[in-house]
Structure formats: C-alpha cells, structure tokens
C-alpha cells in the first residue's frame, strides 16, 4: 500500500486540471468517472453525483463500509483516478443521513 501521509504532500500545491478535463461538459466528466468505476468490482456501488471542472468528484454510496476500510479504499480510488484520468481529481463522499433505526423511531434528529 502507498503511504499517502508525508511532508511533501502536505506542502505541495494542488495540481491544476488539464484542458481535456476542464473544458469537457459535466456529463462527459461523469461518464468518464463511471467508466473507471465500473472497471473495478470494488467500486460498483458508488454513484457519481458531481464532477466539477476544478477536479472535485462527489460520490455517493448507500452501502455501509467499515471505517477502517473506507478511508484506504477512497485514497486508492483517488490515486487510480489521478493516474488514469486527470491528476487534479479529488474524491469526496456526499454525507448521508442517519441510518440508525432506533434514533429514527425515538424522533431524534442529528443535524
């Protein structure tokens, strides 16, 4: 596994999006990301919500992934997209609502 935490990464400037990524329509950027996600069985449950021209890719997943697996999985996905699509891509997960059935039954809302 790649060690993503080092001082050079912390102080480096973020890469700028390439012309192909920046000047493509959002639909085309989303279709490119979907194609890459479908190529790997591990990412089949991810849904692409948004793909900005600045490299921000927002993903949504309904399936529960354990925390100790999710972080590494997202870093590896981001690395794969950076090397195969554009080096400026950053992966973000859209927050989902509270899935606790017990809290929902009691009427407790977490904001």
C-alpha atoms as a PDB file:
ATOM      1  CA  UNK A   1       0.000   0.000   0.000  1.00  0.00           C
ATOM      2  CA  UNK A   2       1.146   3.539  -0.746  1.00  0.00           C
ATOM      3  CA  UNK A   3       1.960   5.775   2.213  1.00  0.00           C
ATOM      4  CA  UNK A   4      -0.061   8.928   1.448  1.00  0.00           C
ATOM      5  CA  UNK A   5       1.000  10.878   4.501  1.00  0.00           C
ATOM      6  CA  UNK A   6       4.254  12.743   4.084  1.00  0.00           C
ATOM      7  CA  UNK A   7       5.502  16.315   4.349  1.00  0.00           C
ATOM      8  CA  UNK A   8       5.928  16.793   0.599  1.00  0.00           C
ATOM      9  CA  UNK A   9       2.225  16.084   0.002  1.00  0.00           C
ATOM     10  CA  UNK A  10       1.210  18.405   2.834  1.00  0.00           C
ATOM     11  CA  UNK A  11       3.024  21.480   1.489  1.00  0.00           C
ATOM     12  CA  UNK A  12       2.723  20.850  -2.258  1.00  0.00           C
ATOM     13  CA  UNK A  13       0.428  22.959  -4.431  1.00  0.00           C
ATOM     14  CA  UNK A  14      -2.648  21.172  -5.704  1.00  0.00           C
ATOM     15  CA  UNK A  15      -2.414  20.167  -9.362  1.00  0.00           C
ATOM     16  CA  UNK A  16      -4.429  22.200 -11.860  1.00  0.00           C
ATOM     17  CA  UNK A  17      -6.946  20.406 -14.097  1.00  0.00           C
ATOM     18  CA  UNK A  18      -5.837  19.594 -17.630  1.00  0.00           C
ATOM     19  CA  UNK A  19      -7.582  21.129 -20.633  1.00  0.00           C
ATOM     20  CA  UNK A  20      -9.354  17.872 -21.505  1.00  0.00           C
ATOM     21  CA  UNK A  21     -10.939  17.726 -18.057  1.00  0.00           C
ATOM     22  CA  UNK A  22     -11.601  21.443 -17.627  1.00  0.00           C
ATOM     23  CA  UNK A  23     -13.294  22.017 -20.979  1.00  0.00           C
ATOM     24  CA  UNK A  24     -15.379  18.823 -21.055  1.00  0.00           C
ATOM     25  CA  UNK A  25     -19.053  19.005 -20.129  1.00  0.00           C
ATOM     26  CA  UNK A  26     -20.040  17.753 -16.703  1.00  0.00           C
ATOM     27  CA  UNK A  27     -21.934  14.862 -18.336  1.00  0.00           C
ATOM     28  CA  UNK A  28     -18.769  13.767 -20.155  1.00  0.00           C
ATOM     29  CA  UNK A  29     -16.675  14.016 -16.965  1.00  0.00           C
ATOM     30  CA  UNK A  30     -19.270  11.969 -15.063  1.00  0.00           C
ATOM     31  CA  UNK A  31     -19.345   9.316 -17.804  1.00  0.00           C
ATOM     32  CA  UNK A  32     -15.535   9.049 -17.705  1.00  0.00           C
ATOM     33  CA  UNK A  33     -15.605   8.504 -13.931  1.00  0.00           C
ATOM     34  CA  UNK A  34     -18.463   5.977 -14.200  1.00  0.00           C
ATOM     35  CA  UNK A  35     -16.470   4.030 -16.804  1.00  0.00           C
ATOM     36  CA  UNK A  36     -13.461   3.872 -14.485  1.00  0.00           C
ATOM     37  CA  UNK A  37     -15.615   2.822 -11.513  1.00  0.00           C
ATOM     38  CA  UNK A  38     -17.269   0.025 -13.498  1.00  0.00           C
ATOM     39  CA  UNK A  39     -13.847  -1.350 -14.454  1.00  0.00           C
ATOM     40  CA  UNK A  40     -13.256  -2.375 -10.819  1.00  0.00           C
ATOM     41  CA  UNK A  41     -15.748  -4.571  -8.943  1.00  0.00           C
ATOM     42  CA  UNK A  42     -14.748  -2.890  -5.655  1.00  0.00           C
ATOM     43  CA  UNK A  43     -16.313   0.425  -6.740  1.00  0.00           C
ATOM     44  CA  UNK A  44     -19.510  -0.907  -8.353  1.00  0.00           C
ATOM     45  CA  UNK A  45     -21.777   0.516  -5.609  1.00  0.00           C
ATOM     46  CA  UNK A  46     -20.530   4.098  -5.970  1.00  0.00           C
ATOM     47  CA  UNK A  47     -22.746   6.650  -7.699  1.00  0.00           C
ATOM     48  CA  UNK A  48     -21.203   9.782  -9.252  1.00  0.00           C
ATOM     49  CA  UNK A  49     -23.157  12.844  -8.120  1.00  0.00           C
ATOM     50  CA  UNK A  50     -20.992  15.631  -9.489  1.00  0.00           C
ATOM     51  CA  UNK A  51     -17.739  16.176 -11.380  1.00  0.00           C
ATOM     52  CA  UNK A  52     -16.642  19.816 -11.284  1.00  0.00           C
ATOM     53  CA  UNK A  53     -14.249  21.399 -13.752  1.00  0.00           C
ATOM     54  CA  UNK A  54     -11.820  22.043 -10.869  1.00  0.00           C
ATOM     55  CA  UNK A  55     -11.322  18.288 -10.331  1.00  0.00           C
ATOM     56  CA  UNK A  56     -13.726  17.720  -7.434  1.00  0.00           C
ATOM     57  CA  UNK A  57     -15.627  14.444  -7.865  1.00  0.00           C
ATOM     58  CA  UNK A  58     -18.515  13.817  -5.480  1.00  0.00           C
ATOM     59  CA  UNK A  59     -19.580  10.223  -4.922  1.00  0.00           C
ATOM     60  CA  UNK A  60     -22.495   8.702  -3.050  1.00  0.00           C
ATOM     61  CA  UNK A  61     -22.827   5.212  -1.643  1.00  0.00           C
ATOM     62  CA  UNK A  62     -25.752   3.687   0.195  1.00  0.00           C
ATOM     63  CA  UNK A  63     -23.853   0.565   1.261  1.00  0.00           C
ATOM     64  CA  UNK A  64     -22.209   0.734   4.687  1.00  0.00           C
ATOM     65  CA  UNK A  65     -18.423   0.390   4.502  1.00  0.00           C
ATOM     66  CA  UNK A  66     -16.453  -0.076   7.745  1.00  0.00           C
ATOM     67  CA  UNK A  67     -14.392   2.986   8.649  1.00  0.00           C
ATOM     68  CA  UNK A  68     -11.092   1.068   8.710  1.00  0.00           C
ATOM     69  CA  UNK A  69     -11.665   0.024   5.069  1.00  0.00           C
ATOM     70  CA  UNK A  70     -13.392   3.132   3.695  1.00  0.00           C
ATOM     71  CA  UNK A  71     -10.507   5.593   4.123  1.00  0.00           C
ATOM     72  CA  UNK A  72      -7.942   3.437   2.366  1.00  0.00           C
ATOM     73  CA  UNK A  73     -10.452   2.472  -0.337  1.00  0.00           C
ATOM     74  CA  UNK A  74     -11.169   6.133  -1.136  1.00  0.00           C
ATOM     75  CA  UNK A  75      -7.475   7.035  -1.201  1.00  0.00           C
ATOM     76  CA  UNK A  76      -6.769   4.165  -3.593  1.00  0.00           C
ATOM     77  CA  UNK A  77      -9.716   5.180  -5.773  1.00  0.00           C
ATOM     78  CA  UNK A  78      -8.487   8.769  -5.871  1.00  0.00           C
ATOM     79  CA  UNK A  79      -4.970   7.629  -6.787  1.00  0.00           C
ATOM     80  CA  UNK A  80      -6.358   5.448  -9.599  1.00  0.00           C
ATOM     81  CA  UNK A  81      -8.416   8.350 -10.977  1.00  0.00           C
ATOM     82  CA  UNK A  82      -5.454  10.727 -10.714  1.00  0.00           C
ATOM     83  CA  UNK A  83      -3.227   8.411 -12.736  1.00  0.00           C
ATOM     84  CA  UNK A  84      -5.799   7.308 -15.305  1.00  0.00           C
ATOM     85  CA  UNK A  85      -7.991  10.399 -15.833  1.00  0.00           C
ATOM     86  CA  UNK A  86      -6.524  13.677 -14.505  1.00  0.00           C
ATOM     87  CA  UNK A  87      -4.026  14.480 -11.775  1.00  0.00           C
ATOM     88  CA  UNK A  88      -6.233  17.211 -10.261  1.00  0.00           C
ATOM     89  CA  UNK A  89      -9.085  14.893  -9.232  1.00  0.00           C
ATOM     90  CA  UNK A  90     -10.101  14.843  -5.586  1.00  0.00           C
ATOM     91  CA  UNK A  91     -12.711  12.374  -4.336  1.00  0.00           C
ATOM     92  CA  UNK A  92     -15.409  13.440  -1.873  1.00  0.00           C
ATOM     93  CA  UNK A  93     -18.260  11.421  -0.375  1.00  0.00           C
ATOM     94  CA  UNK A  94     -21.666  13.055  -0.099  1.00  0.00           C
ATOM     95  CA  UNK A  95     -22.835  12.829   3.522  1.00  0.00           C
ATOM     96  CA  UNK A  96     -25.807  10.536   4.065  1.00  0.00           C
ATOM     97  CA  UNK A  97     -28.492  10.829   6.716  1.00  0.00           C
ATOM     98  CA  UNK A  98     -28.551   8.989   9.991  1.00  0.00           C
ATOM     99  CA  UNK A  99     -29.253   5.300   9.337  1.00  0.00           C
ATOM    100  CA  UNK A 100     -29.941   4.352  12.955  1.00  0.00           C
ATOM    101  CA  UNK A 101     -33.430   2.836  13.141  1.00  0.00           C
ATOM    102  CA  UNK A 102     -33.530   3.272  16.924  1.00  0.00           C
ATOM    103  CA  UNK A 103     -32.846   7.020  16.832  1.00  0.00           C
ATOM    104  CA  UNK A 104     -35.327   7.449  13.988  1.00  0.00           C
ATOM    105  CA  UNK A 105     -38.031   5.643  15.996  1.00  0.00           C
ATOM    106  CA  UNK A 106     -37.489   7.909  19.001  1.00  0.00           C
ATOM    107  CA  UNK A 107     -37.751  11.020  16.827  1.00  0.00           C
ATOM    108  CA  UNK A 108     -34.174  12.158  17.443  1.00  0.00           C
ATOM    109  CA  UNK A 109     -32.744  14.183  14.560  1.00  0.00           C
ATOM    110  CA  UNK A 110     -28.991  14.680  14.140  1.00  0.00           C
ATOM    111  CA  UNK A 111     -28.005  17.733  12.139  1.00  0.00           C
END
